[in-house]
Amino acid sequence: MRVVAVAGAGKSTALLEFARLHPNLRVLYVVFNCSVQRDQTLKYHREGLDRVHVTTIDALAYHGTMDLH
């Protein structure tokens, strides 16, 4: 599933509910900055949803091109 919407549209809430309703799926949650990444990682951990991997778009790009660095 891919969710693209304006700020305040409920993307984070939708993803949280999706993760709760689909306990057999791993989820990649891509955010734009480190502070949001830290906050969301803690939120999902507190909810017991450690299978939701929260990362920044920069980290995702970096790890995907590590062999070029």
C-alpha atoms as a PDB file:
ATOM      1  CA  MET A   1       0.000   0.000   0.000  1.00  0.00           C
ATOM      2  CA  ARG A   2       1.265   3.485  -0.762  1.00  0.00           C
ATOM      3  CA  VAL A   3      -0.251   6.537   0.925  1.00  0.00           C
ATOM      4  CA  VAL A   4       0.425  10.043  -0.357  1.00  0.00           C
ATOM      5  CA  ALA A   5      -1.548  12.955   1.077  1.00  0.00           C
ATOM      6  CA  VAL A   6      -1.217  16.451   2.492  1.00  0.00           C
ATOM      7  CA  ALA A   7      -0.145  17.150   6.069  1.00  0.00           C
ATOM      8  CA  GLY A   8      -2.887  16.445   8.584  1.00  0.00           C
ATOM      9  CA  ALA A   9      -4.806  14.077   6.308  1.00  0.00           C
ATOM     10  CA  GLY A  10      -4.400  11.091   8.661  1.00  0.00           C
ATOM     11  CA  LYS A  11      -1.619   9.132   6.971  1.00  0.00           C
ATOM     12  CA  SER A  12       0.007   8.097  10.255  1.00  0.00           C
ATOM     13  CA  THR A  13      -3.306   7.058  11.769  1.00  0.00           C
ATOM     14  CA  ALA A  14      -4.205   5.060   8.662  1.00  0.00           C
ATOM     15  CA  LEU A  15      -0.863   3.248   8.750  1.00  0.00           C
ATOM     16  CA  LEU A  16      -1.224   2.472  12.456  1.00  0.00           C
ATOM     17  CA  GLU A  17      -4.662   0.946  11.878  1.00  0.00           C
ATOM     18  CA  PHE A  18      -3.401  -0.954   8.831  1.00  0.00           C
ATOM     19  CA  ALA A  19      -0.545  -2.433  10.890  1.00  0.00           C
ATOM     20  CA  ARG A  20      -2.950  -3.430  13.675  1.00  0.00           C
ATOM     21  CA  LEU A  21      -5.345  -5.100  11.223  1.00  0.00           C
ATOM     22  CA  HIS A  22      -2.613  -7.002   9.353  1.00  0.00           C
ATOM     23  CA  PRO A  23      -0.378  -8.602  11.998  1.00  0.00           C
ATOM     24  CA  ASN A  24       1.240 -10.936   9.467  1.00  0.00           C
ATOM     25  CA  LEU A  25       2.690  -8.130   7.329  1.00  0.00           C
ATOM     26  CA  ARG A  26       5.942  -6.232   7.690  1.00  0.00           C
ATOM     27  CA  VAL A  27       5.578  -2.513   7.037  1.00  0.00           C
ATOM     28  CA  LEU A  28       8.070   0.055   5.765  1.00  0.00           C
ATOM     29  CA  TYR A  29       7.167   3.586   6.866  1.00  0.00           C
ATOM     30  CA  VAL A  30       9.237   6.251   5.076  1.00  0.00           C
ATOM     31  CA  VAL A  31       9.365   9.719   6.663  1.00  0.00           C
ATOM     32  CA  PHE A  32      11.173  12.926   5.768  1.00  0.00           C
ATOM     33  CA  ASN A  33      13.225  13.723   8.868  1.00  0.00           C
ATOM     34  CA  CYS A  34      14.952  12.134  11.853  1.00  0.00           C
ATOM     35  CA  SER A  35      12.737  13.657  14.543  1.00  0.00           C
ATOM     36  CA  VAL A  36       9.625  12.155  12.957  1.00  0.00           C
ATOM     37  CA  GLN A  37      11.462   8.864  12.531  1.00  0.00           C
ATOM     38  CA  ARG A  38      12.356   8.751  16.235  1.00  0.00           C
ATOM     39  CA  ASP A  39       8.829   9.715  17.335  1.00  0.00           C
ATOM     40  CA  GLN A  40       7.115   7.195  15.068  1.00  0.00           C
ATOM     41  CA  THR A  41       9.546   4.395  15.953  1.00  0.00           C
ATOM     42  CA  LEU A  42       8.754   4.898  19.645  1.00  0.00           C
ATOM     43  CA  LYS A  43       5.028   5.087  18.927  1.00  0.00           C
ATOM     44  CA  TYR A  44       4.995   1.786  17.035  1.00  0.00           C
ATOM     45  CA  HIS A  45       7.225   0.135  19.634  1.00  0.00           C
ATOM     46  CA  ARG A  46       4.836   1.186  22.425  1.00  0.00           C
ATOM     47  CA  GLU A  47       1.969  -0.284  20.408  1.00  0.00           C
ATOM     48  CA  GLY A  48       3.854  -3.587  20.121  1.00  0.00           C
ATOM     49  CA  LEU A  49       4.227  -3.133  16.372  1.00  0.00           C
ATOM     50  CA  ASP A  50       7.970  -3.650  16.047  1.00  0.00           C
ATOM     51  CA  ARG A  51       7.454  -5.120  12.569  1.00  0.00           C
ATOM     52  CA  VAL A  52       6.829  -1.574  11.329  1.00  0.00           C
ATOM     53  CA  HIS A  53      10.220  -0.280  10.203  1.00  0.00           C
ATOM     54  CA  VAL A  54      10.374   3.522  10.233  1.00  0.00           C
ATOM     55  CA  THR A  55      13.167   5.122   8.234  1.00  0.00           C
ATOM     56  CA  THR A  56      13.957   8.409   6.567  1.00  0.00           C
ATOM     57  CA  ILE A  57      13.974   8.703   2.818  1.00  0.00           C
ATOM     58  CA  ASP A  58      17.675   9.650   2.992  1.00  0.00           C
ATOM     59  CA  ALA A  59      18.562   6.520   4.999  1.00  0.00           C
ATOM     60  CA  LEU A  60      16.596   4.364   2.584  1.00  0.00           C
ATOM     61  CA  ALA A  61      18.483   5.831  -0.380  1.00  0.00           C
ATOM     62  CA  TYR A  62      21.839   5.545   1.407  1.00  0.00           C
ATOM     63  CA  HIS A  63      21.390   1.887   2.323  1.00  0.00           C
ATOM     64  CA  GLY A  64      20.152   1.100  -1.171  1.00  0.00           C
ATOM     65  CA  THR A  65      23.336   2.514  -2.686  1.00  0.00           C
ATOM     66  CA  MET A  66      25.896   1.543  -0.035  1.00  0.00           C
ATOM     67  CA  ASP A  67      28.038  -0.365  -2.489  1.00  0.00           C
ATOM     68  CA  LEU A  68      28.579   2.906  -4.383  1.00  0.00           C
ATOM     69  CA  HIS A  69      29.972   4.778  -1.368  1.00  0.00           C
END
